[in-house]
Amino acid sequence: MTRPYMIASLTLGLLAAALLGYLIIGLDVGRLTTDTWAAQRIITYALLLLAPLLIYLPISQALGLRYFWMFAVISWALFGYILAFVTAPDQANPIQYAIFLTLFFAVLTTIFTPLTYLLGYRFYSLKAHRRDIGRARRQAILISLYICTLFIL
């Protein structure tokens, strides 16, 4: 993917994410209708898959992260579906909290992996340390685990 296509993909992905935010927050599409196949819900389903795909595919290709985009799309789509369409339970259920925190952990990992990779590329002096995606992934997982642990407390 060349640079203009990456920029166009990121821009379209951010626009799709903004439209998705409007549908979820502005229109409250999860409470709007209970029909699973309503037009607003189908558009939301499509945007839940399309927005992270358009954002993370060029990032993955630019940084050489291979299949990272699939993990990002799946985790963001499931997390967005939970936020938009699943109602909060009346009573506290530890299984539901565990599912939510697991998806939140995955989403945080997709956010912090490219950031830690770029920070490592910028600040490490040895070439072997600069291009170490495993190090960036481990650091992102630790940061995400720390934030999720704070939510548990």
Protein backbone atom coordinates (compact mmCIF):
# COMPACT_ATOMS: atom_id res chain seq x y z
CA MET A 1 0.00 0.00 0.00
CA THR A 2 1.48 3.33 -0.99
CA ARG A 3 1.51 6.40 1.20
CA PRO A 4 -1.46 8.25 -0.41
CA TYR A 5 -3.63 5.15 -0.06
CA MET A 6 -2.62 4.77 3.58
CA ILE A 7 -3.52 8.38 4.32
CA ALA A 8 -6.84 8.01 2.48
CA SER A 9 -7.60 4.81 4.36
CA LEU A 10 -6.81 6.40 7.72
CA THR A 11 -8.96 9.43 6.87
CA LEU A 12 -11.91 7.29 5.78
CA GLY A 13 -11.48 5.15 8.88
CA LEU A 14 -11.59 8.18 11.15
CA LEU A 15 -14.69 9.45 9.33
CA ALA A 16 -16.32 6.04 9.73
CA ALA A 17 -15.42 6.07 13.43
CA ALA A 18 -16.97 9.54 13.78
CA LEU A 19 -20.17 8.34 12.09
CA LEU A 20 -20.16 5.28 14.32
CA GLY A 21 -19.79 7.50 17.38
CA TYR A 22 -22.75 9.57 16.21
CA LEU A 23 -24.87 6.45 15.73
CA ILE A 24 -23.95 4.98 19.11
CA ILE A 25 -23.86 8.13 21.25
CA GLY A 26 -26.04 10.59 19.36
CA LEU A 27 -28.85 8.35 18.12
CA ASP A 28 -28.42 5.61 20.74
CA VAL A 29 -28.96 3.00 18.06
CA GLY A 30 -28.85 0.19 20.59
CA ARG A 31 -32.01 1.43 22.29
CA LEU A 32 -33.64 2.86 19.15
CA THR A 33 -35.14 -0.39 17.95
CA THR A 34 -35.15 -3.98 19.12
CA ASP A 35 -35.28 -5.32 15.55
CA THR A 36 -31.91 -6.93 14.87
CA TRP A 37 -32.11 -6.23 11.13
CA ALA A 38 -33.19 -2.57 11.26
CA ALA A 39 -31.38 -0.28 8.83
CA GLN A 40 -29.61 1.72 11.54
CA ARG A 41 -28.37 -1.45 13.19
CA ILE A 42 -27.05 -2.91 9.93
CA ILE A 43 -25.19 0.33 9.20
CA THR A 44 -23.76 0.20 12.72
CA TYR A 45 -22.71 -3.44 12.28
CA ALA A 46 -20.94 -2.55 9.02
CA LEU A 47 -19.21 0.45 10.58
CA LEU A 48 -18.10 -1.62 13.58
CA LEU A 49 -16.10 -3.74 11.13
CA LEU A 50 -15.16 -1.09 8.57
CA ALA A 51 -13.82 1.69 10.83
CA PRO A 52 -11.11 -0.37 12.59
CA LEU A 53 -10.24 -2.12 9.32
CA LEU A 54 -9.59 1.19 7.56
CA ILE A 55 -7.61 2.50 10.51
CA TYR A 56 -5.49 -0.51 11.47
CA LEU A 57 -4.75 -2.07 8.07
CA PRO A 58 -2.46 0.76 6.90
CA ILE A 59 -0.89 1.02 10.36
CA SER A 60 -0.15 -2.70 10.33
CA GLN A 61 1.35 -2.58 6.86
CA ALA A 62 3.43 0.52 7.55
CA LEU A 63 4.90 -0.92 10.74
CA GLY A 64 5.19 -4.50 9.46
CA LEU A 65 2.81 -5.91 12.06
CA ARG A 66 1.45 -8.63 9.72
CA TYR A 67 -1.83 -9.94 11.18
CA PHE A 68 -2.26 -7.28 13.84
CA TRP A 69 -5.08 -5.67 11.85
CA MET A 70 -7.27 -8.78 12.23
CA PHE A 71 -6.84 -8.75 15.99
CA ALA A 72 -7.67 -5.03 16.05
CA VAL A 73 -10.79 -5.37 13.89
CA ILE A 74 -12.16 -8.29 15.90
CA SER A 75 -11.47 -6.72 19.28
CA TRP A 76 -12.86 -3.29 18.34
CA ALA A 77 -15.95 -4.78 16.67
CA LEU A 78 -16.78 -6.95 19.67
CA PHE A 79 -16.09 -4.15 22.14
CA GLY A 80 -18.22 -1.72 20.12
CA TYR A 81 -21.04 -4.25 19.88
CA ILE A 82 -20.98 -4.73 23.65
CA LEU A 83 -21.06 -0.96 24.22
CA ALA A 84 -23.80 -0.28 21.68
CA PHE A 85 -26.20 -3.19 21.92
CA VAL A 86 -25.78 -5.11 25.17
CA THR A 87 -27.82 -3.76 28.05
CA ALA A 88 -26.29 -3.42 31.48
CA PRO A 89 -27.28 -6.18 33.90
CA ASP A 90 -29.57 -5.48 36.82
CA GLN A 91 -27.34 -7.39 39.21
CA ALA A 92 -23.57 -7.60 39.24
CA ASN A 93 -22.39 -10.66 37.35
CA PRO A 94 -18.65 -11.45 37.44
CA ILE A 95 -18.75 -13.25 34.09
CA GLN A 96 -20.09 -10.17 32.32
CA TYR A 97 -17.45 -8.00 33.95
CA ALA A 98 -14.76 -10.48 32.90
CA ILE A 99 -15.98 -10.42 29.29
CA PHE A 100 -16.07 -6.63 29.27
CA LEU A 101 -12.60 -6.30 30.81
CA THR A 102 -11.17 -8.89 28.40
CA LEU A 103 -12.45 -6.94 25.41
CA PHE A 104 -11.28 -3.68 26.99
CA PHE A 105 -7.84 -5.26 27.46
CA ALA A 106 -7.75 -6.28 23.78
CA VAL A 107 -8.76 -2.79 22.64
CA LEU A 108 -6.12 -1.15 24.83
CA THR A 109 -3.52 -3.55 23.43
CA THR A 110 -4.42 -2.50 19.88
CA ILE A 111 -4.01 1.13 20.87
CA PHE A 112 -0.69 0.77 22.69
CA THR A 113 1.11 -1.68 20.37
CA PRO A 114 1.76 0.82 17.53
CA LEU A 115 2.52 3.56 20.06
CA THR A 116 5.14 1.52 21.93
CA TYR A 117 6.63 0.36 18.62
CA LEU A 118 7.00 3.94 17.40
CA LEU A 119 8.38 5.15 20.72
CA GLY A 120 10.90 2.31 20.74
CA TYR A 121 11.84 3.07 17.15
CA ARG A 122 12.41 6.69 18.10
CA PHE A 123 14.35 6.26 21.35
CA TYR A 124 16.31 2.98 21.11
CA SER A 125 19.75 3.30 19.57
CA LEU A 126 20.45 -0.33 18.61
CA LYS A 127 18.80 -1.45 15.39
CA ALA A 128 17.83 -4.81 16.90
CA HIS A 129 15.91 -3.04 19.67
CA ARG A 130 14.35 -0.49 17.34
CA ARG A 131 12.55 -3.01 15.13
CA ASP A 132 11.54 -5.46 17.85
CA ILE A 133 7.79 -5.93 17.51
CA GLY A 134 7.77 -8.52 20.28
CA ARG A 135 9.08 -5.94 22.75
CA ALA A 136 6.45 -3.44 21.64
CA ARG A 137 3.69 -6.03 21.99
CA ARG A 138 4.87 -7.04 25.47
CA GLN A 139 5.02 -3.43 26.61
CA ALA A 140 1.54 -2.77 25.21
CA ILE A 141 0.18 -5.84 26.98
CA LEU A 142 1.72 -4.73 30.28
CA ILE A 143 0.30 -1.21 29.97
CA SER A 144 -3.13 -2.63 29.08
CA LEU A 145 -2.98 -5.09 31.95
CA TYR A 146 -2.08 -2.28 34.34
CA ILE A 147 -5.05 -0.16 33.21
CA CYS A 148 -7.46 -3.11 33.41
CA THR A 149 -6.17 -3.94 36.88
CA LEU A 150 -6.94 -0.37 37.93
CA PHE A 151 -10.49 -0.86 36.68
CA ILE A 152 -10.82 -4.04 38.72
CA LEU A 153 -9.79 -2.20 41.88
